[in-house]
Amino acid sequence: VVHRETCPNVRGYQKEPDKYMAVAWSDDYDKEFIAELKVDMLNHQGALAELTNVISKTGSNIHGLSTEERDGRLYTVTVLLTTKDRVHLAGIMRKIKAMPQATRVRRRKN
């Protein structure tokens, strides 16, 4: 299991350094990675179609999508999509936030 340095599960790791191994990400920047976004949206006709269109126009590919109704007016869309890097992901999120139907956009970090 890989944890971020800020993860609460690895607090005090200095006390037991033999249980941990330092890792670093590859310098191979041509790879894409999958990010998970959660988008709260107003339940309007065509909103989901517009969301997928916005994502497609950014050059990202959707690997998975699910919706969960929160009430009759709002629902949450969970999207798994490809992204080149954090800058690309931030651009995707900005485009989604600009949609009138999107009320909240956030990345789920593992």
Protein backbone atom coordinates (compact mmCIF):
# COMPACT_ATOMS: atom_id res chain seq x y z
CA VAL A 1 0.00 0.00 0.00
CA VAL A 2 1.30 3.46 -0.90
CA HIS A 3 0.39 6.34 1.43
CA ARG A 4 0.94 10.06 1.07
CA GLU A 5 3.28 11.57 3.66
CA THR A 6 0.28 13.48 5.03
CA CYS A 7 -1.85 10.34 5.47
CA PRO A 8 -2.91 9.83 9.11
CA ASN A 9 -2.16 6.10 8.77
CA VAL A 10 1.58 6.76 8.63
CA ARG A 11 1.93 9.15 11.57
CA GLY A 12 4.93 8.25 13.64
CA TYR A 13 6.56 6.23 10.87
CA GLN A 14 9.95 7.59 12.00
CA LYS A 15 9.67 5.38 15.08
CA GLU A 16 9.60 2.23 12.92
CA PRO A 17 11.58 3.07 9.76
CA ASP A 18 12.13 -0.61 8.90
CA LYS A 19 8.39 -0.97 8.20
CA TYR A 20 8.39 1.73 5.53
CA MET A 21 10.01 2.20 2.16
CA ALA A 22 10.43 5.52 0.38
CA VAL A 23 8.99 5.59 -3.14
CA ALA A 24 8.98 8.12 -5.95
CA TRP A 25 6.86 8.48 -9.05
CA SER A 26 8.38 7.69 -12.42
CA ASP A 27 9.77 10.46 -14.60
CA ASP A 28 7.84 8.97 -17.55
CA TYR A 29 5.47 11.86 -18.19
CA ASP A 30 3.80 10.39 -21.26
CA LYS A 31 1.54 8.21 -19.14
CA GLU A 32 -2.02 9.12 -18.28
CA PHE A 33 -3.62 8.28 -14.98
CA ILE A 34 -7.18 7.79 -13.85
CA ALA A 35 -8.76 10.34 -11.53
CA GLU A 36 -12.11 10.17 -9.79
CA LEU A 37 -14.31 13.25 -9.72
CA LYS A 38 -17.55 13.78 -7.85
CA VAL A 39 -19.87 16.34 -9.40
CA ASP A 40 -23.04 17.55 -7.70
CA MET A 41 -25.51 18.63 -10.37
CA LEU A 42 -28.97 20.05 -10.72
CA ASN A 43 -31.35 17.49 -12.18
CA HIS A 44 -32.06 19.19 -15.51
CA GLN A 45 -32.73 17.54 -18.84
CA GLY A 46 -29.48 17.13 -20.78
CA ALA A 47 -27.20 17.91 -17.82
CA LEU A 48 -25.47 14.52 -17.88
CA ALA A 49 -25.00 14.72 -21.65
CA GLU A 50 -23.45 18.17 -21.28
CA LEU A 51 -21.11 16.90 -18.55
CA THR A 52 -19.81 14.07 -20.72
CA ASN A 53 -19.45 16.46 -23.67
CA VAL A 54 -17.42 18.93 -21.58
CA ILE A 55 -15.11 16.12 -20.42
CA SER A 56 -14.70 14.81 -23.96
CA LYS A 57 -13.75 18.25 -25.29
CA THR A 58 -10.85 18.42 -22.81
CA GLY A 59 -9.24 15.38 -24.42
CA SER A 60 -10.06 13.12 -21.50
CA ASN A 61 -11.65 9.69 -21.78
CA ILE A 62 -14.38 8.51 -19.40
CA HIS A 63 -13.65 5.07 -17.92
CA GLY A 64 -16.66 4.89 -15.64
CA LEU A 65 -19.66 6.92 -14.62
CA SER A 66 -22.39 6.47 -12.04
CA THR A 67 -25.13 8.67 -10.67
CA GLU A 68 -26.76 8.83 -7.27
CA GLU A 69 -29.90 10.86 -6.67
CA ARG A 70 -29.65 12.98 -3.54
CA ASP A 71 -33.13 14.46 -3.67
CA GLY A 72 -35.53 15.23 -6.50
CA ARG A 73 -33.52 18.29 -7.43
CA LEU A 74 -29.85 17.24 -7.08
CA TYR A 75 -27.76 14.21 -7.90
CA THR A 76 -24.09 13.29 -7.60
CA VAL A 77 -22.16 12.00 -10.59
CA THR A 78 -19.02 9.96 -9.97
CA VAL A 79 -16.72 9.99 -13.00
CA LEU A 80 -13.53 8.01 -13.56
CA LEU A 81 -11.54 9.72 -16.30
CA THR A 82 -8.07 9.83 -17.80
CA THR A 83 -5.87 12.84 -17.27
CA LYS A 84 -2.31 13.69 -18.26
CA ASP A 85 -1.34 15.51 -15.07
CA ARG A 86 -2.64 17.77 -12.31
CA VAL A 87 -2.74 20.80 -14.62
CA HIS A 88 -4.90 18.90 -17.12
CA LEU A 89 -7.16 17.71 -14.29
CA ALA A 90 -7.50 21.25 -12.91
CA GLY A 91 -8.55 22.42 -16.38
CA ILE A 92 -11.18 19.69 -16.60
CA MET A 93 -12.53 20.65 -13.20
CA ARG A 94 -12.67 24.35 -14.16
CA LYS A 95 -14.68 23.52 -17.29
CA ILE A 96 -17.12 21.43 -15.26
CA LYS A 97 -17.46 24.15 -12.60
CA ALA A 98 -18.38 26.60 -15.37
CA MET A 99 -21.46 24.51 -16.22
CA PRO A 100 -24.64 26.14 -14.87
CA GLN A 101 -25.94 22.74 -13.69
CA ALA A 102 -22.80 21.91 -11.66
CA THR A 103 -23.08 23.00 -8.04
CA ARG A 104 -19.92 21.34 -6.69
CA VAL A 105 -16.89 19.57 -8.21
CA ARG A 106 -14.26 17.71 -6.21
CA ARG A 107 -11.56 15.14 -6.74
CA ARG A 108 -11.62 12.02 -4.65
CA LYS A 109 -8.10 11.29 -3.48
CA ASN A 110 -7.17 7.76 -2.49
